[in-house]
ModelCIF file with pLDDT and N, C-alpha, C, O atoms, coordinates in Angstrom:
data_MODEL
#
_entry.id   MODEL 
#
_entity.id                         1 
_entity.type                       polymer 
_entity.pdbx_number_of_molecules   1 
#
_entity_poly.entity_id                      1 
_entity_poly.type                           'polypeptide(L)' 
_entity_poly.nstd_linkage                   no 
_entity_poly.nstd_monomer                   no 
_entity_poly.pdbx_seq_one_letter_code       
;(UNK)(UNK)(UNK)(UNK)(UNK)(UNK)(UNK)(UNK)(UNK)(UNK)(UNK)(UNK)(UNK)(UNK)(UNK)(UNK)
(UNK)(UNK)(UNK)(UNK)(UNK)(UNK)(UNK)(UNK)(UNK)(UNK)(UNK)(UNK)(UNK)(UNK)(UNK)(UNK)
(UNK)(UNK)(UNK)(UNK)(UNK)(UNK)(UNK)(UNK)(UNK)(UNK)(UNK)(UNK)(UNK)(UNK)(UNK)(UNK)
;
_entity_poly.pdbx_seq_one_letter_code_can   XXXXXXXXXXXXXXXXXXXXXXXXXXXXXXXXXXXXXXXXXXXXXXXX 
_entity_poly.pdbx_strand_id                 A 
#
loop_
_entity_poly_seq.entity_id 
_entity_poly_seq.num 
_entity_poly_seq.mon_id 
_entity_poly_seq.hetero 
1 1  UNK n 
1 2  UNK n 
1 3  UNK n 
1 4  UNK n 
1 5  UNK n 
1 6  UNK n 
1 7  UNK n 
1 8  UNK n 
1 9  UNK n 
1 10 UNK n 
1 11 UNK n 
1 12 UNK n 
1 13 UNK n 
1 14 UNK n 
1 15 UNK n 
1 16 UNK n 
1 17 UNK n 
1 18 UNK n 
1 19 UNK n 
1 20 UNK n 
1 21 UNK n 
1 22 UNK n 
1 23 UNK n 
1 24 UNK n 
1 25 UNK n 
1 26 UNK n 
1 27 UNK n 
1 28 UNK n 
1 29 UNK n 
1 30 UNK n 
1 31 UNK n 
1 32 UNK n 
1 33 UNK n 
1 34 UNK n 
1 35 UNK n 
1 36 UNK n 
1 37 UNK n 
1 38 UNK n 
1 39 UNK n 
1 40 UNK n 
1 41 UNK n 
1 42 UNK n 
1 43 UNK n 
1 44 UNK n 
1 45 UNK n 
1 46 UNK n 
1 47 UNK n 
1 48 UNK n 
#
_struct_asym.id          A 
_struct_asym.entity_id   1 
#
loop_
_ma_qa_metric.id 
_ma_qa_metric.mode 
_ma_qa_metric.name 
_ma_qa_metric.software_group_id 
_ma_qa_metric.type 
1 global pLDDT . pLDDT 
2 local  pLDDT . pLDDT 
#
_ma_qa_metric_global.metric_id      1 
_ma_qa_metric_global.metric_value   90.48 
_ma_qa_metric_global.model_id       1 
_ma_qa_metric_global.ordinal_id     1 
#
loop_
_ma_qa_metric_local.label_asym_id 
_ma_qa_metric_local.label_comp_id 
_ma_qa_metric_local.label_seq_id 
_ma_qa_metric_local.metric_id 
_ma_qa_metric_local.metric_value 
_ma_qa_metric_local.model_id 
_ma_qa_metric_local.ordinal_id 
A UNK 1  2 94.00 1 1  
A UNK 2  2 93.00 1 2  
A UNK 3  2 91.00 1 3  
A UNK 4  2 93.00 1 4  
A UNK 5  2 92.00 1 5  
A UNK 6  2 90.00 1 6  
A UNK 7  2 90.00 1 7  
A UNK 8  2 91.00 1 8  
A UNK 9  2 89.00 1 9  
A UNK 10 2 90.00 1 10 
A UNK 11 2 86.00 1 11 
A UNK 12 2 84.00 1 12 
A UNK 13 2 83.00 1 13 
A UNK 14 2 83.00 1 14 
A UNK 15 2 87.00 1 15 
A UNK 16 2 89.00 1 16 
A UNK 17 2 90.00 1 17 
A UNK 18 2 90.00 1 18 
A UNK 19 2 93.00 1 19 
A UNK 20 2 93.00 1 20 
A UNK 21 2 91.00 1 21 
A UNK 22 2 91.00 1 22 
A UNK 23 2 93.00 1 23 
A UNK 24 2 90.00 1 24 
A UNK 25 2 88.00 1 25 
A UNK 26 2 87.00 1 26 
A UNK 27 2 87.00 1 27 
A UNK 28 2 93.00 1 28 
A UNK 29 2 93.00 1 29 
A UNK 30 2 92.00 1 30 
A UNK 31 2 91.00 1 31 
A UNK 32 2 89.00 1 32 
A UNK 33 2 86.00 1 33 
A UNK 34 2 88.00 1 34 
A UNK 35 2 93.00 1 35 
A UNK 36 2 94.00 1 36 
A UNK 37 2 94.00 1 37 
A UNK 38 2 93.00 1 38 
A UNK 39 2 90.00 1 39 
A UNK 40 2 88.00 1 40 
A UNK 41 2 89.00 1 41 
A UNK 42 2 93.00 1 42 
A UNK 43 2 93.00 1 43 
A UNK 44 2 91.00 1 44 
A UNK 45 2 93.00 1 45 
A UNK 46 2 94.00 1 46 
A UNK 47 2 94.00 1 47 
A UNK 48 2 94.00 1 48 
#
loop_
_atom_site.group_PDB 
_atom_site.id 
_atom_site.type_symbol 
_atom_site.label_atom_id 
_atom_site.label_alt_id 
_atom_site.label_comp_id 
_atom_site.label_asym_id 
_atom_site.label_entity_id 
_atom_site.label_seq_id 
_atom_site.pdbx_PDB_ins_code 
_atom_site.Cartn_x 
_atom_site.Cartn_y 
_atom_site.Cartn_z 
_atom_site.occupancy 
_atom_site.B_iso_or_equiv 
_atom_site.pdbx_formal_charge 
_atom_site.auth_seq_id 
_atom_site.auth_comp_id 
_atom_site.auth_asym_id 
_atom_site.auth_atom_id 
_atom_site.pdbx_PDB_model_num 
ATOM 1   N N  . UNK A 1 1  ? 149.888 135.853 140.650 1.00 94.00 ? 1  UNK A N  1 
ATOM 2   C CA . UNK A 1 1  ? 150.166 134.871 139.605 1.00 94.00 ? 1  UNK A CA 1 
ATOM 3   C C  . UNK A 1 1  ? 149.971 133.458 140.147 1.00 94.00 ? 1  UNK A C  1 
ATOM 4   O O  . UNK A 1 1  ? 149.397 132.605 139.468 1.00 94.00 ? 1  UNK A O  1 
ATOM 5   N N  . UNK A 1 2  ? 150.441 133.209 141.356 1.00 93.00 ? 2  UNK A N  1 
ATOM 6   C CA . UNK A 1 2  ? 150.250 131.883 141.971 1.00 93.00 ? 2  UNK A CA 1 
ATOM 7   C C  . UNK A 1 2  ? 148.758 131.595 142.134 1.00 93.00 ? 2  UNK A C  1 
ATOM 8   O O  . UNK A 1 2  ? 148.312 130.471 141.901 1.00 93.00 ? 2  UNK A O  1 
ATOM 9   N N  . UNK A 1 3  ? 147.993 132.602 142.531 1.00 91.00 ? 3  UNK A N  1 
ATOM 10  C CA . UNK A 1 3  ? 146.540 132.429 142.670 1.00 91.00 ? 3  UNK A CA 1 
ATOM 11  C C  . UNK A 1 3  ? 145.922 132.071 141.326 1.00 91.00 ? 3  UNK A C  1 
ATOM 12  O O  . UNK A 1 3  ? 145.037 131.218 141.255 1.00 91.00 ? 3  UNK A O  1 
ATOM 13  N N  . UNK A 1 4  ? 146.385 132.721 140.257 1.00 93.00 ? 4  UNK A N  1 
ATOM 14  C CA . UNK A 1 4  ? 145.889 132.437 138.907 1.00 93.00 ? 4  UNK A CA 1 
ATOM 15  C C  . UNK A 1 4  ? 146.265 131.018 138.474 1.00 93.00 ? 4  UNK A C  1 
ATOM 16  O O  . UNK A 1 4  ? 145.432 130.295 137.926 1.00 93.00 ? 4  UNK A O  1 
ATOM 17  N N  . UNK A 1 5  ? 147.521 130.616 138.718 1.00 92.00 ? 5  UNK A N  1 
ATOM 18  C CA . UNK A 1 5  ? 147.969 129.270 138.345 1.00 92.00 ? 5  UNK A CA 1 
ATOM 19  C C  . UNK A 1 5  ? 147.149 128.210 139.075 1.00 92.00 ? 5  UNK A C  1 
ATOM 20  O O  . UNK A 1 5  ? 146.770 127.192 138.495 1.00 92.00 ? 5  UNK A O  1 
ATOM 21  N N  . UNK A 1 6  ? 146.884 128.463 140.346 1.00 90.00 ? 6  UNK A N  1 
ATOM 22  C CA . UNK A 1 6  ? 146.087 127.521 141.133 1.00 90.00 ? 6  UNK A CA 1 
ATOM 23  C C  . UNK A 1 6  ? 144.662 127.425 140.580 1.00 90.00 ? 6  UNK A C  1 
ATOM 24  O O  . UNK A 1 6  ? 144.108 126.333 140.459 1.00 90.00 ? 6  UNK A O  1 
ATOM 25  N N  . UNK A 1 7  ? 144.076 128.583 140.246 1.00 90.00 ? 7  UNK A N  1 
ATOM 26  C CA . UNK A 1 7  ? 142.709 128.602 139.719 1.00 90.00 ? 7  UNK A CA 1 
ATOM 27  C C  . UNK A 1 7  ? 142.619 127.880 138.379 1.00 90.00 ? 7  UNK A C  1 
ATOM 28  O O  . UNK A 1 7  ? 141.619 127.225 138.084 1.00 90.00 ? 7  UNK A O  1 
ATOM 29  N N  . UNK A 1 8  ? 143.677 128.003 137.565 1.00 91.00 ? 8  UNK A N  1 
ATOM 30  C CA . UNK A 1 8  ? 143.686 127.362 136.240 1.00 91.00 ? 8  UNK A CA 1 
ATOM 31  C C  . UNK A 1 8  ? 144.093 125.895 136.323 1.00 91.00 ? 8  UNK A C  1 
ATOM 32  O O  . UNK A 1 8  ? 143.964 125.163 135.341 1.00 91.00 ? 8  UNK A O  1 
ATOM 33  N N  . UNK A 1 9  ? 144.583 125.456 137.482 1.00 89.00 ? 9  UNK A N  1 
ATOM 34  C CA . UNK A 1 9  ? 145.028 124.071 137.628 1.00 89.00 ? 9  UNK A CA 1 
ATOM 35  C C  . UNK A 1 9  ? 146.378 123.808 136.983 1.00 89.00 ? 9  UNK A C  1 
ATOM 36  O O  . UNK A 1 9  ? 146.695 122.669 136.641 1.00 89.00 ? 9  UNK A O  1 
ATOM 37  N N  . UNK A 1 10 ? 147.185 124.871 136.813 1.00 90.00 ? 10 UNK A N  1 
ATOM 38  C CA . UNK A 1 10 ? 148.503 124.742 136.183 1.00 90.00 ? 10 UNK A CA 1 
ATOM 39  C C  . UNK A 1 10 ? 149.549 124.492 137.261 1.00 90.00 ? 10 UNK A C  1 
ATOM 40  O O  . UNK A 1 10 ? 149.704 125.301 138.176 1.00 90.00 ? 10 UNK A O  1 
ATOM 41  N N  . UNK A 1 11 ? 150.270 123.375 137.159 1.00 86.00 ? 11 UNK A N  1 
ATOM 42  C CA . UNK A 1 11 ? 151.314 123.081 138.138 1.00 86.00 ? 11 UNK A CA 1 
ATOM 43  C C  . UNK A 1 11 ? 150.739 122.565 139.441 1.00 86.00 ? 11 UNK A C  1 
ATOM 44  O O  . UNK A 1 11 ? 149.536 122.339 139.568 1.00 86.00 ? 11 UNK A O  1 
ATOM 45  N N  . UNK A 1 12 ? 151.620 122.386 140.395 1.00 84.00 ? 12 UNK A N  1 
ATOM 46  C CA . UNK A 1 12 ? 151.276 121.877 141.720 1.00 84.00 ? 12 UNK A CA 1 
ATOM 47  C C  . UNK A 1 12 ? 152.060 122.667 142.763 1.00 84.00 ? 12 UNK A C  1 
ATOM 48  O O  . UNK A 1 12 ? 152.938 123.446 142.391 1.00 84.00 ? 12 UNK A O  1 
ATOM 49  N N  . UNK A 1 13 ? 151.780 122.497 144.045 1.00 83.00 ? 13 UNK A N  1 
ATOM 50  C CA . UNK A 1 13 ? 152.450 123.300 145.077 1.00 83.00 ? 13 UNK A CA 1 
ATOM 51  C C  . UNK A 1 13 ? 153.965 123.367 144.937 1.00 83.00 ? 13 UNK A C  1 
ATOM 52  O O  . UNK A 1 13 ? 154.570 124.408 145.194 1.00 83.00 ? 13 UNK A O  1 
ATOM 53  N N  . UNK A 1 14 ? 154.578 122.257 144.529 1.00 83.00 ? 14 UNK A N  1 
ATOM 54  C CA . UNK A 1 14 ? 156.036 122.228 144.444 1.00 83.00 ? 14 UNK A CA 1 
ATOM 55  C C  . UNK A 1 14 ? 156.578 122.991 143.241 1.00 83.00 ? 14 UNK A C  1 
ATOM 56  O O  . UNK A 1 14 ? 157.780 123.245 143.169 1.00 83.00 ? 14 UNK A O  1 
ATOM 57  N N  . UNK A 1 15 ? 155.701 123.368 142.277 1.00 87.00 ? 15 UNK A N  1 
ATOM 58  C CA . UNK A 1 15 ? 156.196 123.973 141.034 1.00 87.00 ? 15 UNK A CA 1 
ATOM 59  C C  . UNK A 1 15 ? 156.012 125.487 140.959 1.00 87.00 ? 15 UNK A C  1 
ATOM 60  O O  . UNK A 1 15 ? 156.635 126.130 140.114 1.00 87.00 ? 15 UNK A O  1 
ATOM 61  N N  . UNK A 1 16 ? 155.176 126.077 141.820 1.00 89.00 ? 16 UNK A N  1 
ATOM 62  C CA . UNK A 1 16 ? 154.879 127.510 141.694 1.00 89.00 ? 16 UNK A CA 1 
ATOM 63  C C  . UNK A 1 16 ? 156.147 128.365 141.793 1.00 89.00 ? 16 UNK A C  1 
ATOM 64  O O  . UNK A 1 16 ? 156.455 129.130 140.879 1.00 89.00 ? 16 UNK A O  1 
ATOM 65  N N  . UNK A 1 17 ? 156.872 128.234 142.892 1.00 90.00 ? 17 UNK A N  1 
ATOM 66  C CA . UNK A 1 17 ? 158.071 129.062 143.095 1.00 90.00 ? 17 UNK A CA 1 
ATOM 67  C C  . UNK A 1 17 ? 159.156 128.770 142.055 1.00 90.00 ? 17 UNK A C  1 
ATOM 68  O O  . UNK A 1 17 ? 159.708 129.717 141.494 1.00 90.00 ? 17 UNK A O  1 
ATOM 69  N N  . UNK A 1 18 ? 159.492 127.486 141.765 1.00 90.00 ? 18 UNK A N  1 
ATOM 70  C CA . UNK A 1 18 ? 160.525 127.225 140.754 1.00 90.00 ? 18 UNK A CA 1 
ATOM 71  C C  . UNK A 1 18 ? 160.162 127.750 139.368 1.00 90.00 ? 18 UNK A C  1 
ATOM 72  O O  . UNK A 1 18 ? 161.047 128.165 138.621 1.00 90.00 ? 18 UNK A O  1 
ATOM 73  N N  . UNK A 1 19 ? 158.880 127.740 139.011 1.00 93.00 ? 19 UNK A N  1 
ATOM 74  C CA . UNK A 1 19 ? 158.472 128.236 137.691 1.00 93.00 ? 19 UNK A CA 1 
ATOM 75  C C  . UNK A 1 19 ? 158.774 129.727 137.562 1.00 93.00 ? 19 UNK A C  1 
ATOM 76  O O  . UNK A 1 19 ? 159.313 130.166 136.547 1.00 93.00 ? 19 UNK A O  1 
ATOM 77  N N  . UNK A 1 20 ? 158.430 130.500 138.581 1.00 93.00 ? 20 UNK A N  1 
ATOM 78  C CA . UNK A 1 20 ? 158.702 131.942 138.552 1.00 93.00 ? 20 UNK A CA 1 
ATOM 79  C C  . UNK A 1 20 ? 160.208 132.188 138.520 1.00 93.00 ? 20 UNK A C  1 
ATOM 80  O O  . UNK A 1 20 ? 160.676 133.070 137.799 1.00 93.00 ? 20 UNK A O  1 
ATOM 81  N N  . UNK A 1 21 ? 160.970 131.417 139.294 1.00 91.00 ? 21 UNK A N  1 
ATOM 82  C CA . UNK A 1 21 ? 162.435 131.559 139.310 1.00 91.00 ? 21 UNK A CA 1 
ATOM 83  C C  . UNK A 1 21 ? 163.026 131.255 137.938 1.00 91.00 ? 21 UNK A C  1 
ATOM 84  O O  . UNK A 1 21 ? 163.937 131.953 137.491 1.00 91.00 ? 21 UNK A O  1 
ATOM 85  N N  . UNK A 1 22 ? 162.518 130.217 137.261 1.00 91.00 ? 22 UNK A N  1 
ATOM 86  C CA . UNK A 1 22 ? 163.019 129.854 135.928 1.00 91.00 ? 22 UNK A CA 1 
ATOM 87  C C  . UNK A 1 22 ? 162.741 130.965 134.927 1.00 91.00 ? 22 UNK A C  1 
ATOM 88  O O  . UNK A 1 22 ? 163.610 131.299 134.122 1.00 91.00 ? 22 UNK A O  1 
ATOM 89  N N  . UNK A 1 23 ? 161.550 131.539 134.961 1.00 93.00 ? 23 UNK A N  1 
ATOM 90  C CA . UNK A 1 23 ? 161.221 132.627 134.040 1.00 93.00 ? 23 UNK A CA 1 
ATOM 91  C C  . UNK A 1 23 ? 162.135 133.830 134.256 1.00 93.00 ? 23 UNK A C  1 
ATOM 92  O O  . UNK A 1 23 ? 162.507 134.511 133.300 1.00 93.00 ? 23 UNK A O  1 
ATOM 93  N N  . UNK A 1 24 ? 162.497 134.090 135.514 1.00 90.00 ? 24 UNK A N  1 
ATOM 94  C CA . UNK A 1 24 ? 163.451 135.164 135.801 1.00 90.00 ? 24 UNK A CA 1 
ATOM 95  C C  . UNK A 1 24 ? 164.839 134.812 135.277 1.00 90.00 ? 24 UNK A C  1 
ATOM 96  O O  . UNK A 1 24 ? 165.499 135.631 134.638 1.00 90.00 ? 24 UNK A O  1 
ATOM 97  N N  . UNK A 1 25 ? 165.269 133.593 135.555 1.00 88.00 ? 25 UNK A N  1 
ATOM 98  C CA . UNK A 1 25 ? 166.617 133.168 135.162 1.00 88.00 ? 25 UNK A CA 1 
ATOM 99  C C  . UNK A 1 25 ? 166.794 133.195 133.646 1.00 88.00 ? 25 UNK A C  1 
ATOM 100 O O  . UNK A 1 25 ? 167.891 133.467 133.158 1.00 88.00 ? 25 UNK A O  1 
ATOM 101 N N  . UNK A 1 26 ? 165.724 132.916 132.896 1.00 87.00 ? 26 UNK A N  1 
ATOM 102 C CA . UNK A 1 26 ? 165.795 132.911 131.426 1.00 87.00 ? 26 UNK A CA 1 
ATOM 103 C C  . UNK A 1 26 ? 165.554 134.299 130.840 1.00 87.00 ? 26 UNK A C  1 
ATOM 104 O O  . UNK A 1 26 ? 165.472 134.452 129.621 1.00 87.00 ? 26 UNK A O  1 
ATOM 105 N N  . UNK A 1 27 ? 165.442 135.310 131.702 1.00 87.00 ? 27 UNK A N  1 
ATOM 106 C CA . UNK A 1 27 ? 165.207 136.701 131.264 1.00 87.00 ? 27 UNK A CA 1 
ATOM 107 C C  . UNK A 1 27 ? 163.896 136.856 130.504 1.00 87.00 ? 27 UNK A C  1 
ATOM 108 O O  . UNK A 1 27 ? 163.782 137.722 129.636 1.00 87.00 ? 27 UNK A O  1 
ATOM 109 N N  . UNK A 1 28 ? 162.906 136.026 130.822 1.00 93.00 ? 28 UNK A N  1 
ATOM 110 C CA . UNK A 1 28 ? 161.577 136.181 130.248 1.00 93.00 ? 28 UNK A CA 1 
ATOM 111 C C  . UNK A 1 28 ? 160.783 137.247 131.009 1.00 93.00 ? 28 UNK A C  1 
ATOM 112 O O  . UNK A 1 28 ? 159.910 137.903 130.439 1.00 93.00 ? 28 UNK A O  1 
ATOM 113 N N  . UNK A 1 29 ? 161.087 137.411 132.280 1.00 93.00 ? 29 UNK A N  1 
ATOM 114 C CA . UNK A 1 29 ? 160.371 138.389 133.101 1.00 93.00 ? 29 UNK A CA 1 
ATOM 115 C C  . UNK A 1 29 ? 161.345 139.156 133.983 1.00 93.00 ? 29 UNK A C  1 
ATOM 116 O O  . UNK A 1 29 ? 162.431 138.674 134.305 1.00 93.00 ? 29 UNK A O  1 
ATOM 117 N N  . UNK A 1 30 ? 160.935 140.353 134.363 1.00 92.00 ? 30 UNK A N  1 
ATOM 118 C CA . UNK A 1 30 ? 161.593 141.114 135.426 1.00 92.00 ? 30 UNK A CA 1 
ATOM 119 C C  . UNK A 1 30 ? 160.551 141.390 136.501 1.00 92.00 ? 30 UNK A C  1 
ATOM 120 O O  . UNK A 1 30 ? 159.363 141.512 136.201 1.00 92.00 ? 30 UNK A O  1 
ATOM 121 N N  . UNK A 1 31 ? 160.987 141.487 137.736 1.00 91.00 ? 31 UNK A N  1 
ATOM 122 C CA . UNK A 1 31 ? 160.067 141.842 138.817 1.00 91.00 ? 31 UNK A CA 1 
ATOM 123 C C  . UNK A 1 31 ? 160.428 143.247 139.269 1.00 91.00 ? 31 UNK A C  1 
ATOM 124 O O  . UNK A 1 31 ? 161.476 143.473 139.874 1.00 91.00 ? 31 UNK A O  1 
ATOM 125 N N  . UNK A 1 32 ? 159.543 144.184 138.965 1.00 89.00 ? 32 UNK A N  1 
ATOM 126 C CA . UNK A 1 32 ? 159.772 145.596 139.251 1.00 89.00 ? 32 UNK A CA 1 
ATOM 127 C C  . UNK A 1 32 ? 158.690 146.112 140.184 1.00 89.00 ? 32 UNK A C  1 
ATOM 128 O O  . UNK A 1 32 ? 157.504 146.075 139.856 1.00 89.00 ? 32 UNK A O  1 
ATOM 129 N N  . UNK A 1 33 ? 159.104 146.590 141.343 1.00 86.00 ? 33 UNK A N  1 
ATOM 130 C CA . UNK A 1 33 ? 158.163 147.086 142.355 1.00 86.00 ? 33 UNK A CA 1 
ATOM 131 C C  . UNK A 1 33 ? 157.073 146.054 142.635 1.00 86.00 ? 33 UNK A C  1 
ATOM 132 O O  . UNK A 1 33 ? 155.892 146.381 142.745 1.00 86.00 ? 33 UNK A O  1 
ATOM 133 N N  . UNK A 1 34 ? 157.509 144.791 142.747 1.00 88.00 ? 34 UNK A N  1 
ATOM 134 C CA . UNK A 1 34 ? 156.664 143.649 143.085 1.00 88.00 ? 34 UNK A CA 1 
ATOM 135 C C  . UNK A 1 34 ? 155.661 143.306 141.980 1.00 88.00 ? 34 UNK A C  1 
ATOM 136 O O  . UNK A 1 34 ? 154.709 142.561 142.211 1.00 88.00 ? 34 UNK A O  1 
ATOM 137 N N  . UNK A 1 35 ? 155.880 143.854 140.778 1.00 93.00 ? 35 UNK A N  1 
ATOM 138 C CA . UNK A 1 35 ? 155.045 143.513 139.629 1.00 93.00 ? 35 UNK A CA 1 
ATOM 139 C C  . UNK A 1 35 ? 155.864 142.725 138.614 1.00 93.00 ? 35 UNK A C  1 
ATOM 140 O O  . UNK A 1 35 ? 157.048 142.998 138.418 1.00 93.00 ? 35 UNK A O  1 
ATOM 141 N N  . UNK A 1 36 ? 155.223 141.732 137.961 1.00 94.00 ? 36 UNK A N  1 
ATOM 142 C CA . UNK A 1 36 ? 155.909 140.899 136.975 1.00 94.00 ? 36 UNK A CA 1 
ATOM 143 C C  . UNK A 1 36 ? 155.754 141.535 135.596 1.00 94.00 ? 36 UNK A C  1 
ATOM 144 O O  . UNK A 1 36 ? 154.643 141.703 135.094 1.00 94.00 ? 36 UNK A O  1 
ATOM 145 N N  . UNK A 1 37 ? 156.895 141.886 134.994 1.00 94.00 ? 37 UNK A N  1 
ATOM 146 C CA . UNK A 1 37 ? 156.906 142.559 133.690 1.00 94.00 ? 37 UNK A CA 1 
ATOM 147 C C  . UNK A 1 37 ? 157.592 141.651 132.674 1.00 94.00 ? 37 UNK A C  1 
ATOM 148 O O  . UNK A 1 37 ? 158.763 141.318 132.851 1.00 94.00 ? 37 UNK A O  1 
ATOM 149 N N  . UNK A 1 38 ? 156.885 141.236 131.602 1.00 93.00 ? 38 UNK A N  1 
ATOM 150 C CA . UNK A 1 38 ? 157.524 140.391 130.593 1.00 93.00 ? 38 UNK A CA 1 
ATOM 151 C C  . UNK A 1 38 ? 158.514 141.196 129.751 1.00 93.00 ? 38 UNK A C  1 
ATOM 152 O O  . UNK A 1 38 ? 158.292 142.377 129.488 1.00 93.00 ? 38 UNK A O  1 
ATOM 153 N N  . UNK A 1 39 ? 159.599 140.558 129.333 1.00 90.00 ? 39 UNK A N  1 
ATOM 154 C CA . UNK A 1 39 ? 160.589 141.213 128.492 1.00 90.00 ? 39 UNK A CA 1 
ATOM 155 C C  . UNK A 1 39 ? 160.181 141.073 127.020 1.00 90.00 ? 39 UNK A C  1 
ATOM 156 O O  . UNK A 1 39 ? 159.204 140.398 126.696 1.00 90.00 ? 39 UNK A O  1 
ATOM 157 N N  . UNK A 1 40 ? 160.943 141.720 126.145 1.00 88.00 ? 40 UNK A N  1 
ATOM 158 C CA . UNK A 1 40 ? 160.636 141.670 124.711 1.00 88.00 ? 40 UNK A CA 1 
ATOM 159 C C  . UNK A 1 40 ? 160.695 140.235 124.190 1.00 88.00 ? 40 UNK A C  1 
ATOM 160 O O  . UNK A 1 40 ? 159.854 139.823 123.390 1.00 88.00 ? 40 UNK A O  1 
ATOM 161 N N  . UNK A 1 41 ? 161.693 139.478 124.647 1.00 89.00 ? 41 UNK A N  1 
ATOM 162 C CA . UNK A 1 41 ? 161.836 138.112 124.145 1.00 89.00 ? 41 UNK A CA 1 
ATOM 163 C C  . UNK A 1 41 ? 160.665 137.233 124.583 1.00 89.00 ? 41 UNK A C  1 
ATOM 164 O O  . UNK A 1 41 ? 160.345 136.256 123.905 1.00 89.00 ? 41 UNK A O  1 
ATOM 165 N N  . UNK A 1 42 ? 160.021 137.563 125.701 1.00 93.00 ? 42 UNK A N  1 
ATOM 166 C CA . UNK A 1 42 ? 158.856 136.796 126.165 1.00 93.00 ? 42 UNK A CA 1 
ATOM 167 C C  . UNK A 1 42 ? 157.723 136.858 125.139 1.00 93.00 ? 42 UNK A C  1 
ATOM 168 O O  . UNK A 1 42 ? 157.047 135.860 124.890 1.00 93.00 ? 42 UNK A O  1 
ATOM 169 N N  . UNK A 1 43 ? 157.521 138.041 124.544 1.00 93.00 ? 43 UNK A N  1 
ATOM 170 C CA . UNK A 1 43 ? 156.481 138.185 123.519 1.00 93.00 ? 43 UNK A CA 1 
ATOM 171 C C  . UNK A 1 43 ? 156.836 137.370 122.275 1.00 93.00 ? 43 UNK A C  1 
ATOM 172 O O  . UNK A 1 43 ? 155.981 136.695 121.702 1.00 93.00 ? 43 UNK A O  1 
ATOM 173 N N  . UNK A 1 44 ? 158.109 137.438 121.864 1.00 91.00 ? 44 UNK A N  1 
ATOM 174 C CA . UNK A 1 44 ? 158.542 136.723 120.663 1.00 91.00 ? 44 UNK A CA 1 
ATOM 175 C C  . UNK A 1 44 ? 158.361 135.220 120.830 1.00 91.00 ? 44 UNK A C  1 
ATOM 176 O O  . UNK A 1 44 ? 157.847 134.544 119.939 1.00 91.00 ? 44 UNK A O  1 
ATOM 177 N N  . UNK A 1 45 ? 158.790 134.702 121.985 1.00 93.00 ? 45 UNK A N  1 
ATOM 178 C CA . UNK A 1 45 ? 158.676 133.267 122.250 1.00 93.00 ? 45 UNK A CA 1 
ATOM 179 C C  . UNK A 1 45 ? 157.213 132.843 122.326 1.00 93.00 ? 45 UNK A C  1 
ATOM 180 O O  . UNK A 1 45 ? 156.825 131.827 121.750 1.00 93.00 ? 45 UNK A O  1 
ATOM 181 N N  . UNK A 1 46 ? 156.406 133.620 123.036 1.00 94.00 ? 46 UNK A N  1 
ATOM 182 C CA . UNK A 1 46 ? 154.988 133.268 123.188 1.00 94.00 ? 46 UNK A CA 1 
ATOM 183 C C  . UNK A 1 46 ? 154.265 133.278 121.844 1.00 94.00 ? 46 UNK A C  1 
ATOM 184 O O  . UNK A 1 46 ? 153.457 132.392 121.563 1.00 94.00 ? 46 UNK A O  1 
ATOM 185 N N  . UNK A 1 47 ? 154.557 134.282 121.013 1.00 94.00 ? 47 UNK A N  1 
ATOM 186 C CA . UNK A 1 47 ? 153.926 134.351 119.689 1.00 94.00 ? 47 UNK A CA 1 
ATOM 187 C C  . UNK A 1 47 ? 154.303 133.138 118.840 1.00 94.00 ? 47 UNK A C  1 
ATOM 188 O O  . UNK A 1 47 ? 153.450 132.578 118.152 1.00 94.00 ? 47 UNK A O  1 
ATOM 189 N N  . UNK A 1 48 ? 155.565 132.732 118.882 1.00 94.00 ? 48 UNK A N  1 
ATOM 190 C CA . UNK A 1 48 ? 156.000 131.560 118.122 1.00 94.00 ? 48 UNK A CA 1 
ATOM 191 C C  . UNK A 1 48 ? 155.280 130.302 118.611 1.00 94.00 ? 48 UNK A C  1 
ATOM 192 O O  . UNK A 1 48 ? 155.517 129.213 118.089 1.00 94.00 ? 48 UNK A O  1 
#
């Protein structure tokens, strides 16, 4: 994901780790077996 964010020019070095932490803290994602899995609310928010 960090590689993708860097390629897209989204964020800067100081924002990569905090962004992932925020998404976890807001229950938008879970990290299962080192894979990022979006929750149901992530789809609802993104669609809106």
